[in-house]
Amino acid sequence: MRVLYAIDEWIKDMRSDWRFAFEVAMGGFIKTPYAPDDPRQRADAVR
């Protein structure tokens, strides 16, 4: 968090026209059960 706040402060001071944003992949905090026999979960499934 300290790094994020430092970047935010630097942007405010040095580049006020810039915007700072980040995103977290949903898989980082949402887990789903994996069923290898379920064809909907196969990587090569046609959607």
N, C-alpha and C. Protein backbone atom coordinates (compact mmCIF):
# COMPACT_ATOMS: atom_id res chain seq x y z
N MET A 1 0.82 -1.19 0.00
CA MET A 1 0.00 0.00 0.00
C MET A 1 0.87 1.26 0.00
N ARG A 2 2.01 1.18 0.68
CA ARG A 2 2.88 2.37 0.71
C ARG A 2 3.33 2.76 -0.70
N VAL A 3 3.61 1.76 -1.53
CA VAL A 3 4.04 2.05 -2.90
C VAL A 3 2.90 2.71 -3.68
N LEU A 4 1.70 2.20 -3.53
CA LEU A 4 0.56 2.79 -4.24
C LEU A 4 0.33 4.23 -3.82
N TYR A 5 0.42 4.50 -2.51
CA TYR A 5 0.25 5.86 -2.03
C TYR A 5 1.38 6.77 -2.51
N ALA A 6 2.58 6.25 -2.56
CA ALA A 6 3.71 7.04 -3.04
C ALA A 6 3.53 7.40 -4.51
N ILE A 7 3.09 6.44 -5.31
CA ILE A 7 2.83 6.72 -6.72
C ILE A 7 1.73 7.75 -6.86
N ASP A 8 0.67 7.59 -6.09
CA ASP A 8 -0.44 8.54 -6.14
C ASP A 8 0.01 9.95 -5.78
N GLU A 9 0.83 10.09 -4.76
CA GLU A 9 1.34 11.41 -4.36
C GLU A 9 2.25 11.99 -5.44
N TRP A 10 3.10 11.15 -6.02
CA TRP A 10 4.00 11.63 -7.08
C TRP A 10 3.18 12.17 -8.26
N ILE A 11 2.14 11.43 -8.63
CA ILE A 11 1.29 11.87 -9.74
C ILE A 11 0.63 13.20 -9.41
N LYS A 12 0.11 13.34 -8.20
CA LYS A 12 -0.53 14.60 -7.80
C LYS A 12 0.45 15.77 -7.89
N ASP A 13 1.69 15.53 -7.49
CA ASP A 13 2.69 16.59 -7.46
C ASP A 13 3.32 16.87 -8.83
N MET A 14 3.59 15.84 -9.58
CA MET A 14 4.39 15.99 -10.80
C MET A 14 3.58 15.93 -12.09
N ARG A 15 2.53 15.19 -12.11
CA ARG A 15 1.76 14.97 -13.34
C ARG A 15 0.26 15.03 -13.03
N SER A 16 -0.21 16.17 -12.65
CA SER A 16 -1.60 16.29 -12.21
C SER A 16 -2.62 15.93 -13.29
N ASP A 17 -2.18 15.90 -14.56
CA ASP A 17 -3.09 15.52 -15.62
C ASP A 17 -3.15 14.00 -15.84
N TRP A 18 -2.30 13.24 -15.16
CA TRP A 18 -2.31 11.78 -15.25
C TRP A 18 -3.35 11.20 -14.31
N ARG A 19 -3.79 9.98 -14.61
CA ARG A 19 -4.68 9.23 -13.72
C ARG A 19 -4.03 7.88 -13.46
N PHE A 20 -4.23 7.38 -12.26
CA PHE A 20 -3.61 6.13 -11.82
C PHE A 20 -4.72 5.16 -11.44
N ALA A 21 -4.68 3.97 -12.01
CA ALA A 21 -5.69 2.96 -11.71
C ALA A 21 -5.04 1.58 -11.81
N PHE A 22 -5.63 0.63 -11.15
CA PHE A 22 -5.14 -0.74 -11.23
C PHE A 22 -6.34 -1.66 -11.13
N GLU A 23 -6.14 -2.90 -11.51
CA GLU A 23 -7.21 -3.88 -11.42
C GLU A 23 -6.65 -5.20 -10.93
N VAL A 24 -7.52 -5.98 -10.34
CA VAL A 24 -7.15 -7.28 -9.81
C VAL A 24 -7.96 -8.32 -10.58
N ALA A 25 -7.30 -9.36 -11.01
CA ALA A 25 -8.01 -10.44 -11.69
C ALA A 25 -9.02 -11.07 -10.74
N MET A 26 -10.21 -11.31 -11.23
CA MET A 26 -11.26 -11.90 -10.38
C MET A 26 -10.81 -13.25 -9.81
N GLY A 27 -10.01 -13.99 -10.55
CA GLY A 27 -9.54 -15.28 -10.08
C GLY A 27 -8.64 -15.16 -8.86
N GLY A 28 -8.18 -13.94 -8.57
CA GLY A 28 -7.35 -13.73 -7.40
C GLY A 28 -8.11 -13.86 -6.10
N PHE A 29 -9.43 -13.73 -6.15
CA PHE A 29 -10.18 -13.83 -4.90
C PHE A 29 -11.50 -14.59 -5.03
N ILE A 30 -11.85 -15.04 -6.22
CA ILE A 30 -13.05 -15.87 -6.39
C ILE A 30 -12.60 -17.24 -6.86
N LYS A 31 -12.96 -18.24 -6.13
CA LYS A 31 -12.61 -19.61 -6.49
C LYS A 31 -13.87 -20.36 -6.89
N THR A 32 -13.75 -21.19 -7.91
CA THR A 32 -14.85 -22.04 -8.35
C THR A 32 -14.39 -23.48 -8.32
N PRO A 33 -15.29 -24.38 -8.07
CA PRO A 33 -14.90 -25.79 -8.06
C PRO A 33 -14.53 -26.24 -9.47
N TYR A 34 -13.56 -27.11 -9.56
CA TYR A 34 -13.13 -27.63 -10.85
C TYR A 34 -13.58 -29.07 -10.97
N ALA A 35 -14.32 -29.37 -12.03
CA ALA A 35 -14.77 -30.73 -12.31
C ALA A 35 -14.20 -31.12 -13.67
N PRO A 36 -13.12 -31.89 -13.69
CA PRO A 36 -12.47 -32.22 -14.96
C PRO A 36 -13.37 -32.93 -15.96
N ASP A 37 -14.42 -33.59 -15.49
CA ASP A 37 -15.33 -34.30 -16.40
C ASP A 37 -16.42 -33.39 -16.97
N ASP A 38 -16.53 -32.17 -16.50
CA ASP A 38 -17.55 -31.23 -16.96
C ASP A 38 -17.07 -30.58 -18.26
N PRO A 39 -17.72 -30.83 -19.39
CA PRO A 39 -17.25 -30.28 -20.67
C PRO A 39 -17.28 -28.75 -20.71
N ARG A 40 -18.10 -28.11 -19.88
CA ARG A 40 -18.16 -26.65 -19.86
C ARG A 40 -16.89 -26.04 -19.29
N GLN A 41 -16.09 -26.83 -18.57
CA GLN A 41 -14.88 -26.32 -17.93
C GLN A 41 -13.62 -26.66 -18.72
N ARG A 42 -13.77 -27.31 -19.85
CA ARG A 42 -12.59 -27.65 -20.65
C ARG A 42 -12.11 -26.44 -21.41
N ALA A 43 -10.81 -26.28 -21.51
CA ALA A 43 -10.21 -25.14 -22.21
C ALA A 43 -10.56 -25.12 -23.70
N ASP A 44 -10.78 -26.29 -24.28
CA ASP A 44 -11.07 -26.35 -25.72
C ASP A 44 -12.57 -26.39 -26.01
N ALA A 45 -13.40 -26.15 -25.02
CA ALA A 45 -14.86 -26.15 -25.21
C ALA A 45 -15.27 -25.02 -26.14
N VAL A 46 -16.18 -25.31 -27.01
CA VAL A 46 -16.71 -24.31 -27.94
C VAL A 46 -17.81 -23.55 -27.21
N ARG A 47 -17.75 -22.23 -27.29
CA ARG A 47 -18.75 -21.42 -26.59
C ARG A 47 -19.64 -20.73 -27.57
